[in-house]
């Protein structure tokens, strides 16, 4: 199988498809039984493996920060200047890294913490409000973005410094596996990565699609249904398939630049039209509270009670970052030529964390202000499982009403597209035999994976429930924890041998 001389790795390609269909077909055929079983599995995975995810989060963050500030941080990835200017580079890595999740959770996540706060805090108290406005920024901060840095650097080193033309996660483990990276162990790693990406994107699209559908429902008065959600997801798939077909420069870069510009114009509008002073005060307060309690928040396991805050939120988020990290590692590798290890790590962590903090502080604190003043009660809708409708209500309360909501809905579509065109690109890259720095995956593969990505989210939306969406990433992340360990060891081995040469010891 080949088009334009870019051959497809048949083992990785077909194995990933088989695993995907083995997971999705039962969800559709036995939807009720699947929902009950997934709810059981979610609790099981959280209890059994939650501490593993937390420990890995700490280790990865410490490792990449050490790497950035060590002598290895100055190693340049590739020759010549930057492949993309800093604005385009930051826009692409941010849009690929957040999906529509930043719009969904950034607007309403505080409401869950307000009702069920951490650390035994009294629900709906003043302290609950402060932590409600803080915890989302923590979950989308430095620790999370560190999961993108490790695979990005491990793969970039092999791709640019050692010049091994494989944009596959197995290539990031070559320092440890040697020639076995091209054999069965490497293929297993690549299949795990692709399945993990399909699972994590299923969760992101499973959240974003109902949010967009709720906006369409409110604006045009159509009734929300599974059919509407199918139309929404097909429309989004068409947009990101066109973008990914055009490639990095003509498609993904332009869409990301546009999306970043539009998003921050929208945030500036909310900031100025909303309760500006309240947003500023809560943002500064949240930043200080997070700095004071960062270590506690990172290491808290809730060992003495059974509040399930850690399991429902922190472990869910760490598993999500773990599952999507390798995909973003591939994508960041492709766009980071010409930059140093230090620039890639600090740029990814800072641009990503600051961008997410801006979204959370403006969107979340605007919604929180509506709750506290009684103008719109987000928590009432959250309690009956209508998060998407809560978001539409919050945005619809802004000046401009339905026009503002229409703008937000369009922006949500573009956010989904910019993330999933990057996902399609990464999947196609991983399923390709060899890919030089100047080459792109075959177009048919990019289009194929663009539409394959919608299968799992449609299945998860069909059976319904937030638990099923969370379980998809909990399961996807578990085998990838081992891959992260392999990547860290492999990169350490290679850096110890670094002499600026392009040879690799087998």
Protein backbone atom coordinates (compact mmCIF):
# COMPACT_ATOMS: atom_id res chain seq x y z
CA UNK A 1 0.00 0.00 0.00
CA UNK A 2 1.53 3.30 -1.03
CA UNK A 3 0.64 6.63 -2.54
CA UNK A 4 3.22 9.26 -3.48
CA UNK A 5 5.93 6.81 -2.38
CA UNK A 6 4.86 7.04 1.28
CA UNK A 7 4.29 3.41 2.22
CA UNK A 8 1.90 2.27 4.92
CA UNK A 9 2.92 0.00 7.77
CA UNK A 10 0.24 -2.66 7.35
CA UNK A 11 0.71 -4.24 10.79
CA UNK A 12 0.21 -0.98 12.68
CA UNK A 13 -2.57 0.16 10.35
CA UNK A 14 -4.73 -2.96 10.53
CA UNK A 15 -4.02 -3.83 14.17
CA UNK A 16 -5.21 -0.38 15.26
CA UNK A 17 -8.41 -0.73 13.26
CA UNK A 18 -9.12 -4.19 14.67
CA UNK A 19 -8.73 -3.01 18.28
CA UNK A 20 -10.92 0.03 17.57
CA UNK A 21 -13.76 -2.06 16.17
CA UNK A 22 -13.47 -4.68 18.92
CA UNK A 23 -14.13 -1.87 21.39
CA UNK A 24 -16.81 0.11 19.55
CA UNK A 25 -19.04 -2.63 18.09
CA UNK A 26 -20.11 -4.00 21.53
CA UNK A 27 -20.86 -0.43 22.68
CA UNK A 28 -23.37 -0.04 19.87
CA UNK A 29 -24.94 -3.52 19.99
CA UNK A 30 -25.22 -3.81 23.79
CA UNK A 31 -25.50 -0.14 24.78
CA UNK A 32 -27.32 -0.57 28.13
CA UNK A 33 -25.10 -3.40 29.31
CA UNK A 34 -22.03 -1.52 28.07
CA UNK A 35 -22.92 1.57 30.10
CA UNK A 36 -23.24 -0.43 33.33
CA UNK A 37 -20.04 -2.34 32.63
CA UNK A 38 -18.11 0.84 31.80
CA UNK A 39 -19.27 2.50 35.03
CA UNK A 40 -17.93 -0.50 36.97
CA UNK A 41 -14.65 -0.46 35.04
CA UNK A 42 -14.20 3.26 35.65
CA UNK A 43 -14.28 2.81 39.43
CA UNK A 44 -12.02 -0.25 39.18
CA UNK A 45 -9.38 1.54 37.11
CA UNK A 46 -9.45 4.63 39.33
CA UNK A 47 -8.98 2.61 42.51
CA UNK A 48 -6.39 0.17 41.17
CA UNK A 49 -4.23 2.40 38.97
CA UNK A 50 -4.91 5.96 40.11
CA UNK A 51 -1.72 6.23 42.17
CA UNK A 52 0.31 5.05 39.18
CA UNK A 53 -1.03 7.94 37.10
CA UNK A 54 -0.29 10.42 39.89
CA UNK A 55 3.25 9.15 40.42
CA UNK A 56 3.99 9.25 36.70
CA UNK A 57 2.71 12.83 36.55
CA UNK A 58 5.24 13.94 39.15
CA UNK A 59 8.12 12.02 37.59
CA UNK A 60 7.49 13.30 34.07
CA UNK A 61 7.19 16.93 35.16
CA UNK A 62 10.39 16.79 37.22
CA UNK A 63 12.26 14.99 34.42
CA UNK A 64 11.38 17.43 31.62
CA UNK A 65 12.09 20.48 33.80
CA UNK A 66 15.48 19.01 34.70
CA UNK A 67 16.09 18.35 31.02
CA UNK A 68 15.19 21.92 30.03
CA UNK A 69 17.60 23.51 32.50
CA UNK A 70 20.40 20.97 32.11
CA UNK A 71 23.25 21.19 29.60
CA UNK A 72 21.17 19.05 27.25
CA UNK A 73 18.63 21.85 26.92
CA UNK A 74 20.79 23.64 24.38
CA UNK A 75 20.81 20.73 21.91
CA UNK A 76 19.29 21.93 18.64
CA UNK A 77 16.67 19.79 16.98
CA UNK A 78 17.42 19.94 13.27
CA UNK A 79 19.39 22.29 11.09
CA UNK A 80 18.62 25.80 9.90
CA UNK A 81 16.07 28.21 11.30
CA UNK A 82 12.67 27.62 12.80
CA UNK A 83 10.30 25.65 10.57
CA UNK A 84 7.44 27.88 11.82
CA UNK A 85 7.44 31.31 13.43
CA UNK A 86 6.75 31.44 17.15
CA UNK A 87 3.11 32.56 16.85
CA UNK A 88 2.22 29.79 14.41
CA UNK A 89 4.19 27.23 16.41
CA UNK A 90 2.51 28.20 19.68
CA UNK A 91 -0.92 28.33 18.02
CA UNK A 92 -0.58 24.87 16.52
CA UNK A 93 0.70 23.17 19.67
CA UNK A 94 -1.94 24.90 21.82
CA UNK A 95 -4.89 24.14 19.55
CA UNK A 96 -3.74 20.54 19.08
CA UNK A 97 -3.30 20.15 22.82
CA UNK A 98 -6.60 21.42 24.21
CA UNK A 99 -9.41 20.44 21.79
CA UNK A 100 -12.92 21.60 22.69
CA UNK A 101 -12.26 20.44 26.24
CA UNK A 102 -10.89 23.86 27.13
CA UNK A 103 -14.22 25.45 26.14
CA UNK A 104 -16.34 22.79 27.83
CA UNK A 105 -14.50 22.42 31.12
CA UNK A 106 -13.21 25.99 31.19
CA UNK A 107 -16.79 27.23 31.41
CA UNK A 108 -18.36 24.79 33.89
CA UNK A 109 -15.69 22.74 35.69
CA UNK A 110 -15.74 25.11 38.66
CA UNK A 111 -19.40 24.11 39.29
CA UNK A 112 -18.45 20.50 40.05
CA UNK A 113 -15.78 21.64 42.53
CA UNK A 114 -18.17 24.15 44.08
CA UNK A 115 -20.63 21.34 44.86
CA UNK A 116 -18.02 18.70 45.82
CA UNK A 117 -14.81 20.53 46.81
CA UNK A 118 -11.49 18.88 47.72
CA UNK A 119 -9.75 18.58 51.11
CA UNK A 120 -12.99 18.11 53.04
CA UNK A 121 -14.03 21.71 52.43
CA UNK A 122 -17.69 22.52 53.05
CA UNK A 123 -19.63 22.60 49.75
CA UNK A 124 -20.73 26.04 48.55
CA UNK A 125 -18.59 27.78 51.17
CA UNK A 126 -16.27 30.71 50.45
CA UNK A 127 -13.27 28.38 50.46
CA UNK A 128 -15.11 26.05 48.07
CA UNK A 129 -15.54 29.01 45.72
CA UNK A 130 -11.82 29.81 45.85
CA UNK A 131 -10.75 26.24 45.12
CA UNK A 132 -13.45 25.88 42.47
CA UNK A 133 -11.85 28.75 40.58
CA UNK A 134 -8.36 27.30 41.07
CA UNK A 135 -8.40 23.55 40.50
CA UNK A 136 -9.17 23.67 36.78
CA UNK A 137 -6.14 25.88 36.19
CA UNK A 138 -4.05 23.32 38.08
CA UNK A 139 -5.35 20.36 36.07
CA UNK A 140 -4.60 22.19 32.80
CA UNK A 141 -1.26 23.55 33.95
CA UNK A 142 2.42 22.65 33.99
CA UNK A 143 2.00 19.05 35.13
CA UNK A 144 -0.36 18.25 32.28
CA UNK A 145 1.65 19.93 29.54
CA UNK A 146 4.78 18.10 30.70
CA UNK A 147 3.20 14.93 29.28
CA UNK A 148 3.50 16.47 25.82
CA UNK A 149 7.14 17.40 26.30
CA UNK A 150 8.62 13.97 27.04
CA UNK A 151 7.41 12.21 23.87
CA UNK A 152 8.11 15.36 21.84
CA UNK A 153 11.75 15.54 22.95
CA UNK A 154 12.37 11.78 22.86
CA UNK A 155 11.02 11.58 19.31
CA UNK A 156 12.54 14.87 18.12
CA UNK A 157 15.98 13.76 19.24
CA UNK A 158 15.71 10.59 17.14
CA UNK A 159 14.08 12.38 14.22
CA UNK A 160 16.29 15.45 13.95
CA UNK A 161 19.56 14.64 15.74
CA UNK A 162 19.88 10.93 14.96
CA UNK A 163 18.02 11.41 11.67
CA UNK A 164 15.88 8.29 11.89
CA UNK A 165 12.96 9.23 9.56
CA UNK A 166 10.16 7.59 11.54
CA UNK A 167 7.40 9.65 13.13
CA UNK A 168 6.33 6.78 15.35
CA UNK A 169 6.32 6.55 19.13
CA UNK A 170 8.40 3.37 18.95
CA UNK A 171 11.17 5.53 17.50
CA UNK A 172 11.25 7.53 20.74
CA UNK A 173 12.13 4.29 22.58
CA UNK A 174 14.94 3.31 20.21
CA UNK A 175 17.71 4.22 22.65
CA UNK A 176 16.39 1.50 24.98
CA UNK A 177 15.02 -1.02 22.47
CA UNK A 178 17.67 -0.68 19.77
CA UNK A 179 16.81 -2.66 16.63
CA UNK A 180 13.77 -4.10 18.43
CA UNK A 181 12.07 -0.74 17.93
CA UNK A 182 11.52 -1.93 14.35
CA UNK A 183 10.24 -5.34 15.45
CA UNK A 184 7.31 -6.66 17.42
CA UNK A 185 7.99 -4.59 20.60
CA UNK A 186 8.01 -1.39 18.54
CA UNK A 187 4.85 -2.34 16.70
CA UNK A 188 3.07 -3.07 19.99
CA UNK A 189 4.06 0.38 21.26
CA UNK A 190 2.76 2.05 18.10
CA UNK A 191 -0.54 0.19 18.22
CA UNK A 192 -0.97 1.13 21.90
CA UNK A 193 -0.32 4.74 20.97
CA UNK A 194 -2.86 4.73 18.15
CA UNK A 195 -5.51 3.04 20.29
CA UNK A 196 -4.77 5.51 23.09
CA UNK A 197 -5.18 8.42 20.71
CA UNK A 198 -8.45 7.07 19.36
CA UNK A 199 -9.71 6.64 22.94
CA UNK A 200 -8.69 10.09 24.13
CA UNK A 201 -10.02 11.86 21.05
CA UNK A 202 -13.24 9.92 21.55
CA UNK A 203 -13.57 11.60 24.94
CA UNK A 204 -12.77 15.07 23.59
CA UNK A 205 -15.22 14.79 20.72
CA UNK A 206 -17.74 13.17 23.04
CA UNK A 207 -17.69 16.36 25.13
CA UNK A 208 -17.43 18.86 22.29
CA UNK A 209 -20.20 17.45 20.11
CA UNK A 210 -23.06 17.83 22.66
CA UNK A 211 -21.79 21.35 23.44
CA UNK A 212 -21.99 22.35 19.78
CA UNK A 213 -25.35 20.59 19.40
CA UNK A 214 -26.71 22.49 22.42
CA UNK A 215 -25.64 25.75 20.79
CA UNK A 216 -27.39 24.79 17.55
CA UNK A 217 -30.48 23.82 19.54
CA UNK A 218 -30.61 27.16 21.34
CA UNK A 219 -29.91 29.29 18.27
CA UNK A 220 -32.13 27.59 15.70
CA UNK A 221 -34.74 26.02 17.96
CA UNK A 222 -34.18 22.47 16.73
CA UNK A 223 -34.64 19.66 19.21
CA UNK A 224 -31.51 18.02 20.55
CA UNK A 225 -31.22 14.41 19.44
CA UNK A 226 -28.66 11.77 18.60
CA UNK A 227 -29.26 12.55 14.91
CA UNK A 228 -28.31 16.19 15.48
CA UNK A 229 -25.12 15.11 17.22
CA UNK A 230 -24.28 12.82 14.30
CA UNK A 231 -24.73 15.72 11.87
CA UNK A 232 -22.56 17.96 14.05
CA UNK A 233 -19.75 15.45 14.26
CA UNK A 234 -19.89 14.73 10.51
CA UNK A 235 -19.76 18.45 9.76
CA UNK A 236 -16.73 18.88 12.02
CA UNK A 237 -15.08 15.82 10.47
CA UNK A 238 -15.52 17.33 7.01
CA UNK A 239 -13.83 20.56 8.08
CA UNK A 240 -10.82 18.92 9.69
CA UNK A 241 -10.50 16.42 6.84
CA UNK A 242 -10.15 19.34 4.41
CA UNK A 243 -7.57 20.97 6.67
CA UNK A 244 -5.53 17.81 7.14
CA UNK A 245 -5.75 17.08 3.40
CA UNK A 246 -4.12 20.45 2.68
CA UNK A 247 -1.25 19.61 5.05
CA UNK A 248 0.71 21.54 7.67
CA UNK A 249 1.38 24.85 5.93
CA UNK A 250 -1.79 25.35 3.91
CA UNK A 251 -4.25 23.70 6.27
CA UNK A 252 -3.32 23.08 9.90
CA UNK A 253 -1.14 26.17 10.38
CA UNK A 254 -3.68 28.59 8.91
CA UNK A 255 -6.59 27.06 10.79
CA UNK A 256 -4.64 27.17 14.07
CA UNK A 257 -3.57 30.79 13.55
CA UNK A 258 -7.17 31.76 12.80
CA UNK A 259 -8.49 29.82 15.77
CA UNK A 260 -6.04 31.34 18.24
CA UNK A 261 -6.76 34.87 17.05
CA UNK A 262 -10.55 34.41 17.17
CA UNK A 263 -10.42 32.72 20.58
CA UNK A 264 -8.50 35.49 22.27
CA UNK A 265 -10.67 38.18 20.68
CA UNK A 266 -13.68 36.36 22.15
CA UNK A 267 -12.02 36.11 25.57
CA UNK A 268 -11.17 39.82 25.47
CA UNK A 269 -14.84 40.53 24.73
CA UNK A 270 -15.98 38.49 27.76
CA UNK A 271 -13.35 40.13 29.96
CA UNK A 272 -14.41 43.65 28.98
CA UNK A 273 -18.17 43.06 28.70
CA UNK A 274 -18.37 40.91 31.83
CA UNK A 275 -17.49 41.57 35.48
CA UNK A 276 -13.92 42.71 34.75
CA UNK A 277 -12.91 43.53 38.33
CA UNK A 278 -14.31 40.24 39.67
CA UNK A 279 -12.47 38.26 36.97
CA UNK A 280 -9.20 40.05 37.77
CA UNK A 281 -9.51 39.53 41.52
CA UNK A 282 -10.49 35.86 41.25
CA UNK A 283 -7.73 35.19 38.72
CA UNK A 284 -5.03 36.68 40.92
CA UNK A 285 -6.43 34.91 43.98
CA UNK A 286 -6.54 31.58 42.14
CA UNK A 287 -2.96 31.95 40.95
CA UNK A 288 -1.75 32.63 44.49
CA UNK A 289 -3.80 29.77 45.94
CA UNK A 290 -2.38 27.36 43.37
CA UNK A 291 1.21 28.46 44.07
CA UNK A 292 0.69 28.01 47.81
CA UNK A 293 -0.83 24.54 47.45
CA UNK A 294 0.74 23.18 44.25
CA UNK A 295 2.68 20.34 45.91
CA UNK A 296 -0.32 19.33 48.02
CA UNK A 297 -2.64 19.35 45.01
CA UNK A 298 -0.14 17.31 43.01
CA UNK A 299 0.39 14.65 45.68
CA UNK A 300 -3.02 14.53 47.43
CA UNK A 301 -4.48 11.01 47.29
CA UNK A 302 -7.35 11.51 49.76
CA UNK A 303 -6.27 8.44 51.80
CA UNK A 304 -8.57 8.98 54.81
CA UNK A 305 -11.94 9.64 53.19
CA UNK A 306 -13.86 8.40 50.20
CA UNK A 307 -14.83 11.71 48.61
CA UNK A 308 -13.64 10.41 45.21
CA UNK A 309 -12.54 13.90 44.23
CA UNK A 310 -9.07 12.67 43.30
CA UNK A 311 -10.42 9.70 41.35
CA UNK A 312 -13.12 11.66 39.52
CA UNK A 313 -10.94 14.62 38.58
CA UNK A 314 -7.17 14.53 39.09
CA UNK A 315 -6.75 10.92 37.99
CA UNK A 316 -9.11 11.47 35.07
CA UNK A 317 -7.08 14.44 33.92
CA UNK A 318 -3.68 12.77 34.35
CA UNK A 319 -4.91 9.76 32.38
CA UNK A 320 -6.19 12.08 29.65
CA UNK A 321 -2.84 13.88 29.38
CA UNK A 322 -1.05 10.51 29.32
CA UNK A 323 -3.30 9.22 26.53
CA UNK A 324 -3.00 12.29 24.28
CA UNK A 325 0.65 13.02 25.11
CA UNK A 326 2.25 10.74 22.49
CA UNK A 327 0.03 12.16 19.73
CA UNK A 328 1.03 15.69 20.63
CA UNK A 329 4.62 14.50 20.86
CA UNK A 330 4.48 13.43 17.22
CA UNK A 331 2.81 16.66 16.16
CA UNK A 332 5.16 18.89 18.18
CA UNK A 333 8.11 17.00 16.70
CA UNK A 334 6.93 17.77 13.18
CA UNK A 335 6.53 21.51 13.83
CA UNK A 336 9.57 22.08 16.10
CA UNK A 337 12.47 21.73 13.68
CA UNK A 338 15.20 24.31 14.32
CA UNK A 339 14.40 24.80 18.01
CA UNK A 340 16.40 23.64 21.01
CA UNK A 341 15.26 21.10 23.58
CA UNK A 342 14.95 23.92 26.12
CA UNK A 343 12.81 26.02 23.77
CA UNK A 344 10.46 23.14 23.01
CA UNK A 345 9.95 22.20 26.67
CA UNK A 346 9.57 25.69 28.10
CA UNK A 347 7.56 26.90 25.12
CA UNK A 348 5.14 23.98 25.33
CA UNK A 349 4.69 24.18 29.09
CA UNK A 350 4.44 27.96 29.31
CA UNK A 351 2.39 28.70 26.19
CA UNK A 352 0.09 25.80 27.02
CA UNK A 353 -0.35 26.56 30.72
CA UNK A 354 -0.77 30.31 30.30
CA UNK A 355 -3.24 29.84 27.45
CA UNK A 356 -5.34 27.43 29.51
CA UNK A 357 -5.19 29.71 32.55
CA UNK A 358 -6.57 32.60 30.48
CA UNK A 359 -9.48 30.46 29.28
CA UNK A 360 -10.28 29.14 32.74
CA UNK A 361 -10.01 32.47 34.50
CA UNK A 362 -12.15 34.39 32.02
CA UNK A 363 -14.76 31.80 31.01
CA UNK A 364 -14.97 30.11 34.40
CA UNK A 365 -15.02 33.23 36.53
CA UNK A 366 -17.65 34.84 34.31
CA UNK A 367 -19.88 31.79 34.81
CA UNK A 368 -19.07 31.75 38.53
CA UNK A 369 -20.09 35.40 38.83
CA UNK A 370 -23.44 34.59 37.22
CA UNK A 371 -23.94 31.83 39.79
CA UNK A 372 -23.07 34.01 42.79
CA UNK A 373 -25.32 36.86 41.66
CA UNK A 374 -28.16 34.48 40.78
CA UNK A 375 -28.31 35.65 37.15
CA UNK A 376 -27.74 32.12 35.83
CA UNK A 377 -27.45 29.01 37.99
CA UNK A 378 -25.02 26.66 36.27
CA UNK A 379 -25.08 24.21 39.18
CA UNK A 380 -28.79 23.50 38.69
CA UNK A 381 -28.14 22.17 35.19
CA UNK A 382 -24.98 20.32 36.23
CA UNK A 383 -26.94 18.41 38.86
CA UNK A 384 -29.24 16.96 36.19
CA UNK A 385 -26.43 16.16 33.77
CA UNK A 386 -26.95 19.03 31.33
CA UNK A 387 -23.47 20.50 31.14
CA UNK A 388 -23.74 21.39 27.45
CA UNK A 389 -26.97 23.33 28.05
CA UNK A 390 -25.32 25.11 30.98
CA UNK A 391 -22.56 26.33 28.67
CA UNK A 392 -25.10 27.63 26.14
CA UNK A 393 -26.89 29.45 28.94
CA UNK A 394 -23.70 31.07 30.22
CA UNK A 395 -22.58 32.25 26.78
CA UNK A 396 -26.11 33.31 25.83
CA UNK A 397 -26.19 35.65 28.84
CA UNK A 398 -23.42 37.79 27.33
CA UNK A 399 -24.24 41.00 25.43
CA UNK A 400 -25.40 40.04 21.97
CA UNK A 401 -27.24 36.98 23.25
CA UNK A 402 -27.83 34.54 20.40
CA UNK A 403 -25.29 36.23 18.12
CA UNK A 404 -22.61 35.75 20.76
CA UNK A 405 -23.69 32.13 21.22
CA UNK A 406 -23.50 31.60 17.44
CA UNK A 407 -19.96 32.98 17.45
CA UNK A 408 -19.03 30.66 20.33
CA UNK A 409 -20.56 27.66 18.55
CA UNK A 410 -18.60 28.39 15.37
CA UNK A 411 -15.44 28.80 17.45
CA UNK A 412 -16.14 25.43 19.08
CA UNK A 413 -16.36 23.79 15.66
CA UNK A 414 -13.02 25.31 14.66
CA UNK A 415 -11.45 24.22 17.96
CA UNK A 416 -12.57 20.67 17.33
CA UNK A 417 -11.29 20.81 13.77
CA UNK A 418 -7.84 22.15 14.69
CA UNK A 419 -7.31 19.39 17.22
CA UNK A 420 -8.52 16.52 15.12
CA UNK A 421 -6.76 17.50 11.94
CA UNK A 422 -3.59 17.28 14.05
CA UNK A 423 -4.73 13.90 15.40
CA UNK A 424 -5.37 12.60 11.89
CA UNK A 425 -1.96 13.84 10.83
CA UNK A 426 -0.28 12.06 13.76
CA UNK A 427 -2.15 8.80 13.13
CA UNK A 428 -1.23 8.87 9.45
CA UNK A 429 2.40 9.63 10.34
CA UNK A 430 2.59 6.73 12.78
CA UNK A 431 1.10 4.32 10.23
CA UNK A 432 3.67 5.37 7.60
CA UNK A 433 6.87 3.39 7.03
CA UNK A 434 9.27 6.31 6.67
CA UNK A 435 8.72 10.05 6.72
CA UNK A 436 11.55 12.49 6.07
CA UNK A 437 11.45 15.95 7.63
CA UNK A 438 10.26 17.48 4.34
CA UNK A 439 7.61 14.81 3.70
CA UNK A 440 4.00 14.47 4.83
CA UNK A 441 1.86 11.33 5.23
CA UNK A 442 -0.15 10.18 2.23
CA UNK A 443 -3.31 12.22 1.76
CA UNK A 444 -5.57 9.19 1.59
CA UNK A 445 -4.30 8.15 5.03
CA UNK A 446 -4.91 11.58 6.50
CA UNK A 447 -8.47 11.56 5.18
CA UNK A 448 -9.05 7.97 6.27
CA UNK A 449 -8.03 8.64 9.88
CA UNK A 450 -9.99 11.91 9.92
CA UNK A 451 -13.22 9.98 9.48
CA UNK A 452 -12.11 6.97 11.52
CA UNK A 453 -11.68 9.30 14.50
CA UNK A 454 -15.44 9.86 14.71
CA UNK A 455 -16.38 6.19 15.25
CA UNK A 456 -15.59 5.94 18.96
CA UNK A 457 -17.07 9.30 20.03
CA UNK A 458 -20.31 8.44 18.24
CA UNK A 459 -20.40 5.15 20.15
CA UNK A 460 -19.75 6.88 23.48
CA UNK A 461 -22.36 9.56 22.79
CA UNK A 462 -24.84 6.85 21.85
CA UNK A 463 -24.58 5.03 25.18
CA UNK A 464 -24.41 8.38 27.02
CA UNK A 465 -22.98 9.46 30.37
CA UNK A 466 -19.83 11.25 31.49
CA UNK A 467 -18.48 8.07 33.10
CA UNK A 468 -18.17 6.31 29.75
CA UNK A 469 -16.20 9.25 28.34
CA UNK A 470 -13.86 9.29 31.32
CA UNK A 471 -13.32 5.53 31.17
CA UNK A 472 -12.14 5.73 27.56
CA UNK A 473 -9.05 7.67 28.63
CA UNK A 474 -8.51 5.74 31.87
CA UNK A 475 -8.22 2.51 29.89
CA UNK A 476 -6.25 4.08 27.03
CA UNK A 477 -3.68 5.58 29.38
CA UNK A 478 -2.75 2.48 31.38
CA UNK A 479 -0.47 0.70 28.86
CA UNK A 480 1.01 4.04 27.83
CA UNK A 481 2.40 4.57 31.35
CA UNK A 482 4.96 1.88 30.51
CA UNK A 483 5.73 3.60 27.21
CA UNK A 484 6.47 6.86 29.08
CA UNK A 485 8.96 5.02 31.29
CA UNK A 486 10.58 3.53 28.18
CA UNK A 487 10.81 6.98 26.57
CA UNK A 488 12.43 8.51 29.64
CA UNK A 489 15.03 5.74 29.94
CA UNK A 490 15.69 5.76 26.19
CA UNK A 491 16.22 9.51 26.07
CA UNK A 492 18.52 9.40 29.10
CA UNK A 493 20.67 6.71 27.45
CA UNK A 494 20.93 8.68 24.21
CA UNK A 495 21.75 11.99 25.90
CA UNK A 496 24.56 10.38 27.90
CA UNK A 497 26.10 9.29 24.60
CA UNK A 498 25.43 12.58 22.82
CA UNK A 499 28.43 13.87 20.89
CA UNK A 500 26.62 15.62 18.09
CA UNK A 501 26.97 12.61 15.80
CA UNK A 502 24.22 10.98 13.78
CA UNK A 503 25.01 7.38 14.61
CA UNK A 504 23.00 5.23 16.95
CA UNK A 505 24.41 2.35 18.90
CA UNK A 506 22.37 -0.81 18.57
